[in-house]
Each structure stands twice: as C-alpha cells, then as structure tokens.
Amino acid sequence: MDMVMKLGVESPVVIFTKSTCCIFHSLETLIRVFIGEEFVGGSNEIMSLNVRGKLKQVLLKANAIWI
C-alpha cells in the first residue's frame, strides 16, 4: 500500500490495469483508478463520473488536467 500512496503523491492520476500494455482500447481493462491520492474505483465508476459530468471536476481538483 505504501507504493500505491507514493505513486498517488507523485502523479495526479494512477491507473492499475489487468494488462501490461500501456495502450488499451477499452476502459473495461481498468481494475483500480486513483485520482488525487484517493481511490475512485474501476471502469464503472469512471464512466459514471463522466456521464454525470463530474469526472472533469475531479481531474481538475487533482491537477490532472488544466482548462
């Protein structure tokens, strides 16, 4: 868990996937997503945040995107 927390401090978004490939074509490969040092969930939670229009707010708060 210490490694996960360290990654969260170093990067605004950390994604752990089932695949070792850095390019994936579907969010279904997501296992765990951390945004701003907090566990957000998997692909269903990310899609839900996006559909509800809240994903952008979460990413902005974590300084993961700039608009």
N, C-alpha and C. Protein backbone atom coordinates (compact mmCIF):
# COMPACT_ATOMS: atom_id res chain seq x y z
N MET A 1 0.82 -1.20 0.00
CA MET A 1 0.00 0.00 0.00
C MET A 1 0.86 1.25 0.00
N ASP A 2 2.05 1.19 0.61
CA ASP A 2 2.94 2.35 0.62
C ASP A 2 3.33 2.76 -0.79
N MET A 3 3.57 1.77 -1.66
CA MET A 3 3.93 2.07 -3.04
C MET A 3 2.78 2.79 -3.74
N VAL A 4 1.56 2.35 -3.50
CA VAL A 4 0.39 2.98 -4.12
C VAL A 4 0.27 4.43 -3.65
N MET A 5 0.44 4.67 -2.38
CA MET A 5 0.35 6.03 -1.85
C MET A 5 1.47 6.91 -2.42
N LYS A 6 2.67 6.36 -2.55
CA LYS A 6 3.78 7.11 -3.12
C LYS A 6 3.48 7.50 -4.57
N LEU A 7 2.93 6.56 -5.33
CA LEU A 7 2.56 6.85 -6.72
C LEU A 7 1.50 7.93 -6.77
N GLY A 8 0.55 7.89 -5.83
CA GLY A 8 -0.51 8.89 -5.79
C GLY A 8 0.00 10.28 -5.48
N VAL A 9 1.04 10.37 -4.67
CA VAL A 9 1.63 11.67 -4.35
C VAL A 9 2.41 12.21 -5.54
N GLU A 10 3.08 11.31 -6.27
CA GLU A 10 3.91 11.71 -7.40
C GLU A 10 3.11 12.04 -8.66
N SER A 11 1.93 11.43 -8.81
CA SER A 11 1.13 11.60 -10.03
C SER A 11 -0.32 11.89 -9.66
N PRO A 12 -0.97 12.82 -10.37
CA PRO A 12 -2.36 13.12 -10.04
C PRO A 12 -3.33 11.99 -10.37
N VAL A 13 -2.97 11.14 -11.33
CA VAL A 13 -3.82 10.00 -11.69
C VAL A 13 -2.95 8.76 -11.81
N VAL A 14 -3.38 7.69 -11.13
CA VAL A 14 -2.67 6.41 -11.20
C VAL A 14 -3.70 5.35 -11.59
N ILE A 15 -3.38 4.58 -12.63
CA ILE A 15 -4.29 3.54 -13.12
C ILE A 15 -3.57 2.20 -13.09
N PHE A 16 -4.17 1.23 -12.45
CA PHE A 16 -3.66 -0.14 -12.45
C PHE A 16 -4.58 -0.96 -13.34
N THR A 17 -3.99 -1.68 -14.31
CA THR A 17 -4.78 -2.45 -15.26
C THR A 17 -4.44 -3.93 -15.20
N LYS A 18 -5.27 -4.73 -15.84
CA LYS A 18 -5.04 -6.16 -15.95
C LYS A 18 -3.91 -6.45 -16.93
N SER A 19 -3.72 -5.57 -17.87
CA SER A 19 -2.76 -5.77 -18.95
C SER A 19 -1.47 -5.02 -18.65
N THR A 20 -0.36 -5.50 -19.19
CA THR A 20 0.90 -4.79 -19.05
C THR A 20 1.08 -3.81 -20.21
N CYS A 21 0.18 -3.81 -21.15
CA CYS A 21 0.25 -2.91 -22.30
C CYS A 21 -0.12 -1.50 -21.87
N CYS A 22 0.67 -0.52 -22.29
CA CYS A 22 0.38 0.86 -21.90
C CYS A 22 -0.70 1.48 -22.77
N ILE A 23 -1.06 0.82 -23.85
CA ILE A 23 -2.13 1.31 -24.72
C ILE A 23 -3.28 0.31 -24.67
N PHE A 24 -4.40 0.73 -24.13
CA PHE A 24 -5.56 -0.16 -24.12
C PHE A 24 -6.72 0.54 -24.80
N HIS A 25 -7.59 -0.24 -25.39
CA HIS A 25 -8.64 0.31 -26.23
C HIS A 25 -10.00 0.38 -25.54
N SER A 26 -10.08 -0.10 -24.33
CA SER A 26 -11.36 -0.12 -23.65
C SER A 26 -11.16 0.12 -22.16
N LEU A 27 -12.04 0.89 -21.57
CA LEU A 27 -11.97 1.10 -20.12
C LEU A 27 -12.28 -0.17 -19.34
N GLU A 28 -12.78 -1.19 -20.02
CA GLU A 28 -13.08 -2.45 -19.34
C GLU A 28 -11.82 -3.11 -18.80
N THR A 29 -10.65 -2.73 -19.26
CA THR A 29 -9.42 -3.32 -18.76
C THR A 29 -8.99 -2.70 -17.43
N LEU A 30 -9.66 -1.64 -17.00
CA LEU A 30 -9.27 -0.99 -15.76
C LEU A 30 -9.63 -1.84 -14.54
N ILE A 31 -8.73 -1.85 -13.57
CA ILE A 31 -9.02 -2.51 -12.31
C ILE A 31 -9.21 -1.46 -11.22
N ARG A 32 -8.20 -0.62 -11.01
CA ARG A 32 -8.24 0.37 -9.96
C ARG A 32 -7.77 1.73 -10.48
N VAL A 33 -8.49 2.78 -10.12
CA VAL A 33 -8.11 4.13 -10.53
C VAL A 33 -8.03 5.00 -9.28
N PHE A 34 -6.90 5.67 -9.13
CA PHE A 34 -6.70 6.62 -8.05
C PHE A 34 -6.56 8.01 -8.68
N ILE A 35 -7.32 8.96 -8.18
CA ILE A 35 -7.23 10.34 -8.66
C ILE A 35 -7.03 11.22 -7.43
N GLY A 36 -5.97 12.01 -7.46
CA GLY A 36 -5.70 12.90 -6.34
C GLY A 36 -5.49 12.17 -5.03
N GLU A 37 -4.75 11.07 -5.06
CA GLU A 37 -4.42 10.27 -3.89
C GLU A 37 -5.63 9.55 -3.28
N GLU A 38 -6.75 9.53 -3.98
CA GLU A 38 -7.94 8.85 -3.48
C GLU A 38 -8.39 7.78 -4.47
N PHE A 39 -8.81 6.65 -3.93
CA PHE A 39 -9.34 5.57 -4.77
C PHE A 39 -10.70 5.98 -5.30
N VAL A 40 -10.83 5.98 -6.64
CA VAL A 40 -12.09 6.36 -7.27
C VAL A 40 -12.93 5.13 -7.59
N GLY A 41 -12.29 4.07 -8.05
CA GLY A 41 -13.00 2.85 -8.40
C GLY A 41 -12.43 2.25 -9.66
N GLY A 42 -13.27 1.53 -10.37
CA GLY A 42 -12.88 0.91 -11.63
C GLY A 42 -13.56 1.58 -12.81
N SER A 43 -13.70 0.84 -13.88
CA SER A 43 -14.24 1.41 -15.10
C SER A 43 -15.68 1.90 -14.93
N ASN A 44 -16.48 1.19 -14.16
CA ASN A 44 -17.88 1.62 -13.97
C ASN A 44 -17.96 2.96 -13.27
N GLU A 45 -17.12 3.16 -12.24
CA GLU A 45 -17.14 4.42 -11.51
C GLU A 45 -16.63 5.57 -12.37
N ILE A 46 -15.59 5.32 -13.18
CA ILE A 46 -15.06 6.35 -14.06
C ILE A 46 -16.12 6.76 -15.09
N MET A 47 -16.78 5.77 -15.69
CA MET A 47 -17.82 6.07 -16.67
C MET A 47 -18.99 6.81 -16.02
N SER A 48 -19.35 6.41 -14.80
CA SER A 48 -20.44 7.08 -14.09
C SER A 48 -20.10 8.54 -13.80
N LEU A 49 -18.87 8.80 -13.35
CA LEU A 49 -18.46 10.18 -13.13
C LEU A 49 -18.54 10.99 -14.43
N ASN A 50 -18.12 10.39 -15.52
CA ASN A 50 -18.15 11.07 -16.81
C ASN A 50 -19.59 11.36 -17.25
N VAL A 51 -20.47 10.38 -17.14
CA VAL A 51 -21.86 10.56 -17.56
C VAL A 51 -22.55 11.64 -16.71
N ARG A 52 -22.22 11.69 -15.43
CA ARG A 52 -22.82 12.68 -14.54
C ARG A 52 -22.15 14.05 -14.64
N GLY A 53 -21.12 14.14 -15.49
CA GLY A 53 -20.43 15.41 -15.69
C GLY A 53 -19.50 15.79 -14.55
N LYS A 54 -19.07 14.82 -13.75
CA LYS A 54 -18.23 15.11 -12.60
C LYS A 54 -16.78 14.70 -12.77
N LEU A 55 -16.45 13.94 -13.79
CA LEU A 55 -15.08 13.48 -13.99
C LEU A 55 -14.14 14.66 -14.20
N LYS A 56 -14.55 15.62 -15.00
CA LYS A 56 -13.71 16.78 -15.25
C LYS A 56 -13.40 17.53 -13.96
N GLN A 57 -14.39 17.69 -13.09
CA GLN A 57 -14.19 18.38 -11.82
C GLN A 57 -13.17 17.65 -10.94
N VAL A 58 -13.28 16.32 -10.89
CA VAL A 58 -12.36 15.51 -10.08
C VAL A 58 -10.94 15.63 -10.63
N LEU A 59 -10.80 15.58 -11.95
CA LEU A 59 -9.47 15.68 -12.57
C LEU A 59 -8.89 17.07 -12.39
N LEU A 60 -9.71 18.11 -12.48
CA LEU A 60 -9.23 19.47 -12.25
C LEU A 60 -8.76 19.65 -10.80
N LYS A 61 -9.51 19.14 -9.87
CA LYS A 61 -9.16 19.26 -8.46
C LYS A 61 -7.83 18.57 -8.16
N ALA A 62 -7.54 17.48 -8.87
CA ALA A 62 -6.29 16.72 -8.66
C ALA A 62 -5.14 17.30 -9.49
N ASN A 63 -5.39 18.37 -10.21
CA ASN A 63 -4.38 18.97 -11.12
C ASN A 63 -3.93 17.98 -12.19
N ALA A 64 -4.83 17.12 -12.61
CA ALA A 64 -4.53 16.16 -13.66
C ALA A 64 -4.76 16.75 -15.04
N ILE A 65 -5.66 17.74 -15.11
CA ILE A 65 -5.92 18.45 -16.37
C ILE A 65 -6.01 19.93 -16.07
N TRP A 66 -5.79 20.73 -17.08
CA TRP A 66 -5.87 22.19 -16.96
C TRP A 66 -6.73 22.70 -18.10
N ILE A 67 -7.74 23.47 -17.74
CA ILE A 67 -8.63 24.02 -18.75
C ILE A 67 -8.71 25.52 -18.58
